[in-house]
Amino acid sequence: MSRSEQPELDGSEDSRILLGLLESVERDGRRSQRHLAAEFGIALGLVNSYLKRCVRKGLVKVHEAPARRYTYYLTPQGFAEKSRLTIAFLATSFSFFRRARGDCMATLETAKQRGWSRIVLAGASDLAEIAAICALEGGITIAAIIDRQATQSQLIGAPIYRSFDEIAAPFDGVMVTDLKAPEETFNTISDLFGAERVVAPLLLGISPRNGATEQDRAVGAAHR
């Protein structure tokens, strides 16, 4: 894969892949690039690009083994960079969890006050897991999770479906937990059920549509 063909990655995804690669090399530097690509769920050419970058920056050394195989080793600089990325990842994860939990608790509490007791989460993500935990604490039932690209059948004990047509149980409203395309998901569900039956945590940064206020968008409204 040429440089122009490689997908653009945001900073967090770039750091995640780099950290995973350094950790994998530390565990077993004899793994093939194909194995690493499968492990991280990325293209083989992208793994090759990351390894070349690591070697160029002095994070990894490579030794050629028999049968045109290669063994990779972390340098002292590579160990230091892995530690830095680990600390940064943990700090970012904790910051996200703290903000997400606060936003989810506020949104769910308002929804509960307005009569919601059973909701559907739109998006099987880390945010969905946090929302499910908050819902359990707040006495709200997660009836299901909708995700068209989900590869699992359950999350935090709730069934995952690809469309709302598959949900047999009744529900009062929908909470957006899609981290990839939250505004598109919010608008699609609003078109299906009405904006008053959709809520979204503030951290998703969804812009109100059709004159809705920020408060209306954040907390949702009447139950089904």
C-alpha atoms as a PDB file:
ATOM      1  CA  MET A   1       0.000   0.000   0.000  1.00  0.00           C
ATOM      2  CA  SER A   2       1.423   3.373  -0.972  1.00  0.00           C
ATOM      3  CA  ARG A   3       1.416   6.335   1.374  1.00  0.00           C
ATOM      4  CA  SER A   4      -1.402   7.982  -0.605  1.00  0.00           C
ATOM      5  CA  GLU A   5      -3.526   4.834  -0.311  1.00  0.00           C
ATOM      6  CA  GLN A   6      -3.217   4.544   3.456  1.00  0.00           C
ATOM      7  CA  PRO A   7      -6.265   5.703   5.457  1.00  0.00           C
ATOM      8  CA  GLU A   8      -5.990   8.851   7.512  1.00  0.00           C
ATOM      9  CA  LEU A   9      -5.994   8.129  11.241  1.00  0.00           C
ATOM     10  CA  ASP A  10      -6.807  10.569  14.010  1.00  0.00           C
ATOM     11  CA  GLY A  11      -4.309  11.135  16.809  1.00  0.00           C
ATOM     12  CA  SER A  12      -5.947   8.769  19.280  1.00  0.00           C
ATOM     13  CA  GLU A  13      -6.160   5.913  16.772  1.00  0.00           C
ATOM     14  CA  ASP A  14      -2.577   6.485  15.690  1.00  0.00           C
ATOM     15  CA  SER A  15      -1.384   6.335  19.310  1.00  0.00           C
ATOM     16  CA  ARG A  16      -3.481   3.231  19.993  1.00  0.00           C
ATOM     17  CA  ILE A  17      -1.950   1.332  17.080  1.00  0.00           C
ATOM     18  CA  LEU A  18       1.570   2.474  17.920  1.00  0.00           C
ATOM     19  CA  LEU A  19       1.174   1.446  21.566  1.00  0.00           C
ATOM     20  CA  GLY A  20      -0.275  -1.924  20.580  1.00  0.00           C
ATOM     21  CA  LEU A  21       2.575  -2.513  18.164  1.00  0.00           C
ATOM     22  CA  LEU A  22       5.254  -1.704  20.751  1.00  0.00           C
ATOM     23  CA  GLU A  23       3.540  -3.957  23.306  1.00  0.00           C
ATOM     24  CA  SER A  24       3.326  -6.794  20.785  1.00  0.00           C
ATOM     25  CA  VAL A  25       7.000  -6.461  19.849  1.00  0.00           C
ATOM     26  CA  GLU A  26       7.923  -6.531  23.544  1.00  0.00           C
ATOM     27  CA  ARG A  27       5.915  -9.742  24.079  1.00  0.00           C
ATOM     28  CA  ASP A  28       7.147 -11.549  20.968  1.00  0.00           C
ATOM     29  CA  GLY A  29       9.153  -9.816  18.263  1.00  0.00           C
ATOM     30  CA  ARG A  30       9.022 -12.875  16.012  1.00  0.00           C
ATOM     31  CA  ARG A  31       5.381 -12.364  15.011  1.00  0.00           C
ATOM     32  CA  SER A  32       4.833 -11.748  11.326  1.00  0.00           C
ATOM     33  CA  GLN A  33       3.419  -8.528   9.974  1.00  0.00           C
ATOM     34  CA  ARG A  34       0.392 -10.488   8.772  1.00  0.00           C
ATOM     35  CA  HIS A  35      -0.200 -11.718  12.321  1.00  0.00           C
ATOM     36  CA  LEU A  36       0.059  -8.147  13.643  1.00  0.00           C
ATOM     37  CA  ALA A  37      -2.376  -6.883  11.003  1.00  0.00           C
ATOM     38  CA  ALA A  38      -4.936  -9.496  12.060  1.00  0.00           C
ATOM     39  CA  GLU A  39      -4.355  -8.735  15.745  1.00  0.00           C
ATOM     40  CA  PHE A  40      -4.957  -4.995  15.331  1.00  0.00           C
ATOM     41  CA  GLY A  41      -7.612  -5.232  12.620  1.00  0.00           C
ATOM     42  CA  ILE A  42      -5.697  -3.017  10.178  1.00  0.00           C
ATOM     43  CA  ALA A  43      -4.250  -3.429   6.687  1.00  0.00           C
ATOM     44  CA  LEU A  44      -0.957  -5.281   6.236  1.00  0.00           C
ATOM     45  CA  GLY A  45       0.528  -2.258   4.492  1.00  0.00           C
ATOM     46  CA  LEU A  46      -0.311  -0.079   7.480  1.00  0.00           C
ATOM     47  CA  VAL A  47       1.532  -2.447   9.832  1.00  0.00           C
ATOM     48  CA  ASN A  48       4.549  -2.281   7.532  1.00  0.00           C
ATOM     49  CA  SER A  49       4.361   1.525   7.567  1.00  0.00           C
ATOM     50  CA  TYR A  50       4.224   1.654  11.386  1.00  0.00           C
ATOM     51  CA  LEU A  51       7.144  -0.748  11.766  1.00  0.00           C
ATOM     52  CA  LYS A  52       9.242   1.299   9.349  1.00  0.00           C
ATOM     53  CA  ARG A  53       8.388   4.429  11.320  1.00  0.00           C
ATOM     54  CA  CYS A  54       9.377   2.727  14.592  1.00  0.00           C
ATOM     55  CA  VAL A  55      12.700   1.631  13.108  1.00  0.00           C
ATOM     56  CA  ARG A  56      13.326   5.084  11.652  1.00  0.00           C
ATOM     57  CA  LYS A  57      12.655   6.741  15.029  1.00  0.00           C
ATOM     58  CA  GLY A  58      14.920   4.301  16.827  1.00  0.00           C
ATOM     59  CA  LEU A  59      12.090   2.683  18.818  1.00  0.00           C
ATOM     60  CA  VAL A  60      12.550  -0.764  17.289  1.00  0.00           C
ATOM     61  CA  LYS A  61      15.500  -2.683  15.885  1.00  0.00           C
ATOM     62  CA  VAL A  62      15.057  -5.409  13.286  1.00  0.00           C
ATOM     63  CA  HIS A  63      17.215  -8.485  12.727  1.00  0.00           C
ATOM     64  CA  GLU A  64      16.864 -10.710   9.707  1.00  0.00           C
ATOM     65  CA  ALA A  65      16.393 -14.387  10.504  1.00  0.00           C
ATOM     66  CA  PRO A  66      16.617 -17.455   8.233  1.00  0.00           C
ATOM     67  CA  ALA A  67      13.960 -18.001   5.565  1.00  0.00           C
ATOM     68  CA  ARG A  68      13.505 -14.248   5.053  1.00  0.00           C
ATOM     69  CA  ARG A  69      11.892 -13.814   8.440  1.00  0.00           C
ATOM     70  CA  TYR A  70      12.492 -10.883  10.749  1.00  0.00           C
ATOM     71  CA  THR A  71      12.695 -10.433  14.499  1.00  0.00           C
ATOM     72  CA  TYR A  72      11.924  -7.073  16.086  1.00  0.00           C
ATOM     73  CA  TYR A  73      13.297  -5.750  19.392  1.00  0.00           C
ATOM     74  CA  LEU A  74      12.384  -2.723  21.455  1.00  0.00           C
ATOM     75  CA  THR A  75      15.241  -0.300  22.019  1.00  0.00           C
ATOM     76  CA  PRO A  76      15.586   1.620  25.313  1.00  0.00           C
ATOM     77  CA  GLN A  77      13.951   4.511  23.489  1.00  0.00           C
ATOM     78  CA  GLY A  78      11.155   2.158  22.449  1.00  0.00           C
ATOM     79  CA  PHE A  79      10.553   1.073  26.054  1.00  0.00           C
ATOM     80  CA  ALA A  80      10.410   4.736  27.109  1.00  0.00           C
ATOM     81  CA  GLU A  81       7.941   5.595  24.336  1.00  0.00           C
ATOM     82  CA  LYS A  82       5.746   2.615  25.259  1.00  0.00           C
ATOM     83  CA  SER A  83       5.628   3.796  28.870  1.00  0.00           C
ATOM     84  CA  ARG A  84       4.759   7.348  27.776  1.00  0.00           C
ATOM     85  CA  LEU A  85       1.954   6.152  25.499  1.00  0.00           C
ATOM     86  CA  THR A  86       0.598   3.855  28.229  1.00  0.00           C
ATOM     87  CA  ILE A  87       0.394   6.709  30.728  1.00  0.00           C
ATOM     88  CA  ALA A  88      -1.196   9.014  28.146  1.00  0.00           C
ATOM     89  CA  PHE A  89      -3.724   6.319  27.164  1.00  0.00           C
ATOM     90  CA  LEU A  90      -4.717   5.669  30.775  1.00  0.00           C
ATOM     91  CA  ALA A  91      -5.082   9.400  31.464  1.00  0.00           C
ATOM     92  CA  THR A  92      -7.225   9.882  28.365  1.00  0.00           C
ATOM     93  CA  SER A  93      -9.344   6.827  29.180  1.00  0.00           C
ATOM     94  CA  PHE A  94      -9.971   8.013  32.738  1.00  0.00           C
ATOM     95  CA  SER A  95     -10.816  11.524  31.538  1.00  0.00           C
ATOM     96  CA  PHE A  96     -13.273  10.124  28.984  1.00  0.00           C
ATOM     97  CA  PHE A  97     -14.873   7.777  31.514  1.00  0.00           C
ATOM     98  CA  ARG A  98     -15.315  10.559  34.074  1.00  0.00           C
ATOM     99  CA  ARG A  99     -16.937  12.950  31.600  1.00  0.00           C
ATOM    100  CA  ALA A 100     -19.018  10.236  29.917  1.00  0.00           C
ATOM    101  CA  ARG A 101     -20.336   8.975  33.241  1.00  0.00           C
ATOM    102  CA  GLY A 102     -21.362  12.474  34.296  1.00  0.00           C
ATOM    103  CA  ASP A 103     -23.109  13.174  30.985  1.00  0.00           C
ATOM    104  CA  CYS A 104     -24.855   9.797  30.956  1.00  0.00           C
ATOM    105  CA  MET A 105     -26.053  10.123  34.545  1.00  0.00           C
ATOM    106  CA  ALA A 106     -27.477  13.609  33.868  1.00  0.00           C
ATOM    107  CA  THR A 107     -29.224  12.531  30.661  1.00  0.00           C
ATOM    108  CA  LEU A 108     -30.656   9.351  32.171  1.00  0.00           C
ATOM    109  CA  GLU A 109     -31.835  11.097  35.318  1.00  0.00           C
ATOM    110  CA  THR A 110     -33.790  13.662  33.315  1.00  0.00           C
ATOM    111  CA  ALA A 111     -35.209  10.922  31.092  1.00  0.00           C
ATOM    112  CA  LYS A 112     -36.282   9.020  34.196  1.00  0.00           C
ATOM    113  CA  GLN A 113     -38.016  12.104  35.605  1.00  0.00           C
ATOM    114  CA  ARG A 114     -39.940  12.419  32.357  1.00  0.00           C
ATOM    115  CA  GLY A 115     -41.239   8.885  32.521  1.00  0.00           C
ATOM    116  CA  TRP A 116     -38.705   6.776  30.691  1.00  0.00           C
ATOM    117  CA  SER A 117     -38.020   3.376  32.237  1.00  0.00           C
ATOM    118  CA  ARG A 118     -36.899   1.315  29.223  1.00  0.00           C
ATOM    119  CA  ILE A 119     -34.501   2.663  26.608  1.00  0.00           C
ATOM    120  CA  VAL A 120     -32.559   1.525  23.580  1.00  0.00           C
ATOM    121  CA  LEU A 121     -28.917   2.496  23.075  1.00  0.00           C
ATOM    122  CA  ALA A 122     -27.910   3.412  19.522  1.00  0.00           C
ATOM    123  CA  GLY A 123     -24.288   2.354  19.060  1.00  0.00           C
ATOM    124  CA  ALA A 124     -22.337  -0.526  20.611  1.00  0.00           C
ATOM    125  CA  SER A 125     -19.350   1.400  21.966  1.00  0.00           C
ATOM    126  CA  ASP A 126     -17.391   2.240  25.107  1.00  0.00           C
ATOM    127  CA  LEU A 127     -19.981   4.960  25.709  1.00  0.00           C
ATOM    128  CA  ALA A 128     -22.748   2.349  25.526  1.00  0.00           C
ATOM    129  CA  GLU A 129     -21.042   0.327  28.255  1.00  0.00           C
ATOM    130  CA  ILE A 130     -20.811   3.402  30.482  1.00  0.00           C
ATOM    131  CA  ALA A 131     -24.451   4.309  29.746  1.00  0.00           C
ATOM    132  CA  ALA A 132     -25.554   0.767  30.600  1.00  0.00           C
ATOM    133  CA  ILE A 133     -23.761   0.929  33.959  1.00  0.00           C
ATOM    134  CA  CYS A 134     -25.337   4.321  34.693  1.00  0.00           C
ATOM    135  CA  ALA A 135     -28.767   3.015  33.685  1.00  0.00           C
ATOM    136  CA  LEU A 136     -28.410   0.121  36.095  1.00  0.00           C
ATOM    137  CA  GLU A 137     -27.529   2.533  38.895  1.00  0.00           C
ATOM    138  CA  GLY A 138     -30.451   4.779  37.946  1.00  0.00           C
ATOM    139  CA  GLY A 139     -33.084   2.050  37.720  1.00  0.00           C
ATOM    140  CA  ILE A 140     -33.541   2.266  33.938  1.00  0.00           C
ATOM    141  CA  THR A 141     -33.635  -0.883  31.814  1.00  0.00           C
ATOM    142  CA  ILE A 142     -31.644  -1.198  28.614  1.00  0.00           C
ATOM    143  CA  ALA A 143     -34.123  -2.968  26.321  1.00  0.00           C
ATOM    144  CA  ALA A 144     -31.618  -3.406  23.492  1.00  0.00           C
ATOM    145  CA  ILE A 145     -28.647  -1.939  21.658  1.00  0.00           C
ATOM    146  CA  ILE A 146     -28.795  -1.048  17.972  1.00  0.00           C
ATOM    147  CA  ASP A 147     -25.663  -1.201  15.848  1.00  0.00           C
ATOM    148  CA  ARG A 148     -25.668  -2.039  12.151  1.00  0.00           C
ATOM    149  CA  GLN A 149     -22.000  -3.021  12.224  1.00  0.00           C
ATOM    150  CA  ALA A 150     -21.914  -4.940  15.499  1.00  0.00           C
ATOM    151  CA  THR A 151     -20.062  -8.255  15.507  1.00  0.00           C
ATOM    152  CA  GLN A 152     -21.296  -9.376  18.934  1.00  0.00           C
ATOM    153  CA  SER A 153     -24.759 -10.410  20.071  1.00  0.00           C
ATOM    154  CA  GLN A 154     -24.730  -8.872  23.573  1.00  0.00           C
ATOM    155  CA  LEU A 155     -23.172  -6.021  25.520  1.00  0.00           C
ATOM    156  CA  ILE A 156     -23.472  -5.631  29.314  1.00  0.00           C
ATOM    157  CA  GLY A 157     -26.271  -8.233  29.237  1.00  0.00           C
ATOM    158  CA  ALA A 158     -28.359  -6.362  26.626  1.00  0.00           C
ATOM    159  CA  PRO A 159     -29.090  -7.901  23.206  1.00  0.00           C
ATOM    160  CA  ILE A 160     -27.592  -6.199  20.160  1.00  0.00           C
ATOM    161  CA  TYR A 161     -29.647  -5.873  16.967  1.00  0.00           C
ATOM    162  CA  ARG A 162     -28.875  -4.385  13.564  1.00  0.00           C
ATOM    163  CA  SER A 163     -32.201  -2.556  13.211  1.00  0.00           C
ATOM    164  CA  PHE A 164     -35.135  -1.373  15.313  1.00  0.00           C
ATOM    165  CA  ASP A 165     -37.405  -3.808  13.444  1.00  0.00           C
ATOM    166  CA  GLU A 166     -35.753  -6.677  15.330  1.00  0.00           C
ATOM    167  CA  ILE A 167     -36.722  -5.308  18.764  1.00  0.00           C
ATOM    168  CA  ALA A 168     -39.820  -7.072  20.094  1.00  0.00           C
ATOM    169  CA  ALA A 169     -39.887  -5.521  23.578  1.00  0.00           C
ATOM    170  CA  PRO A 170     -41.410  -2.042  24.104  1.00  0.00           C
ATOM    171  CA  PHE A 171     -39.180   0.930  24.908  1.00  0.00           C
ATOM    172  CA  ASP A 172     -39.710   4.566  25.816  1.00  0.00           C
ATOM    173  CA  GLY A 173     -36.885   6.286  23.973  1.00  0.00           C
ATOM    174  CA  VAL A 174     -33.447   6.024  22.437  1.00  0.00           C
ATOM    175  CA  MET A 175     -30.101   7.235  23.748  1.00  0.00           C
ATOM    176  CA  VAL A 176     -27.349   7.804  21.175  1.00  0.00           C
ATOM    177  CA  THR A 177     -24.067   6.119  22.134  1.00  0.00           C
ATOM    178  CA  ASP A 178     -22.539   5.982  18.660  1.00  0.00           C
ATOM    179  CA  LEU A 179     -19.009   7.419  18.787  1.00  0.00           C
ATOM    180  CA  LYS A 180     -18.302   7.130  15.044  1.00  0.00           C
ATOM    181  CA  ALA A 181     -21.195   9.116  13.503  1.00  0.00           C
ATOM    182  CA  PRO A 182     -23.302  10.394  16.435  1.00  0.00           C
ATOM    183  CA  GLU A 183     -25.050  13.263  14.640  1.00  0.00           C
ATOM    184  CA  GLU A 184     -26.035  11.109  11.677  1.00  0.00           C
ATOM    185  CA  THR A 185     -27.375   8.479  14.065  1.00  0.00           C
ATOM    186  CA  PHE A 186     -29.252  11.104  16.098  1.00  0.00           C
ATOM    187  CA  ASN A 187     -30.909  12.563  12.987  1.00  0.00           C
ATOM    188  CA  THR A 188     -31.811   9.154  11.558  1.00  0.00           C
ATOM    189  CA  ILE A 189     -33.509   8.065  14.783  1.00  0.00           C
ATOM    190  CA  SER A 190     -35.242  11.450  15.114  1.00  0.00           C
ATOM    191  CA  ASP A 191     -36.728  10.896  11.658  1.00  0.00           C
ATOM    192  CA  LEU A 192     -37.952   7.452  12.739  1.00  0.00           C
ATOM    193  CA  PHE A 193     -39.455   8.249  16.141  1.00  0.00           C
ATOM    194  CA  GLY A 194     -39.411  12.025  16.527  1.00  0.00           C
ATOM    195  CA  ALA A 195     -36.706  14.153  18.132  1.00  0.00           C
ATOM    196  CA  GLU A 196     -38.591  14.173  21.433  1.00  0.00           C
ATOM    197  CA  ARG A 197     -37.843  10.469  21.840  1.00  0.00           C
ATOM    198  CA  VAL A 198     -34.092  10.695  21.306  1.00  0.00           C
ATOM    199  CA  VAL A 199     -31.448  11.780  23.816  1.00  0.00           C
ATOM    200  CA  ALA A 200     -27.680  12.154  23.531  1.00  0.00           C
ATOM    201  CA  PRO A 201     -24.900  12.921  26.020  1.00  0.00           C
ATOM    202  CA  LEU A 202     -23.426  16.398  25.604  1.00  0.00           C
ATOM    203  CA  LEU A 203     -19.920  15.051  24.935  1.00  0.00           C
ATOM    204  CA  LEU A 204     -21.069  13.811  21.517  1.00  0.00           C
ATOM    205  CA  GLY A 205     -21.380  17.435  20.416  1.00  0.00           C
ATOM    206  CA  ILE A 206     -24.513  16.923  18.351  1.00  0.00           C
ATOM    207  CA  SER A 207     -25.861  20.145  16.843  1.00  0.00           C
ATOM    208  CA  PRO A 208     -29.595  20.707  17.428  1.00  0.00           C
ATOM    209  CA  ARG A 209     -31.751  20.416  14.322  1.00  0.00           C
ATOM    210  CA  ASN A 210     -35.106  21.961  13.387  1.00  0.00           C
ATOM    211  CA  GLY A 211     -34.862  24.681  15.999  1.00  0.00           C
ATOM    212  CA  ALA A 212     -34.411  22.368  18.972  1.00  0.00           C
ATOM    213  CA  THR A 213     -32.570  23.889  21.910  1.00  0.00           C
ATOM    214  CA  GLU A 214     -29.370  22.457  23.350  1.00  0.00           C
ATOM    215  CA  GLN A 215     -31.284  21.437  26.467  1.00  0.00           C
ATOM    216  CA  ASP A 216     -33.949  19.646  24.402  1.00  0.00           C
ATOM    217  CA  ARG A 217     -31.259  17.767  22.496  1.00  0.00           C
ATOM    218  CA  ALA A 218     -29.362  16.789  25.602  1.00  0.00           C
ATOM    219  CA  VAL A 219     -32.104  15.373  27.767  1.00  0.00           C
ATOM    220  CA  GLY A 220     -34.885  14.215  25.462  1.00  0.00           C
ATOM    221  CA  ALA A 221     -38.549  14.305  26.333  1.00  0.00           C
ATOM    222  CA  ALA A 222     -41.787  12.404  26.580  1.00  0.00           C
ATOM    223  CA  HIS A 223     -42.000   8.649  26.679  1.00  0.00           C
ATOM    224  CA  ARG A 224     -43.481   6.374  24.051  1.00  0.00           C
END
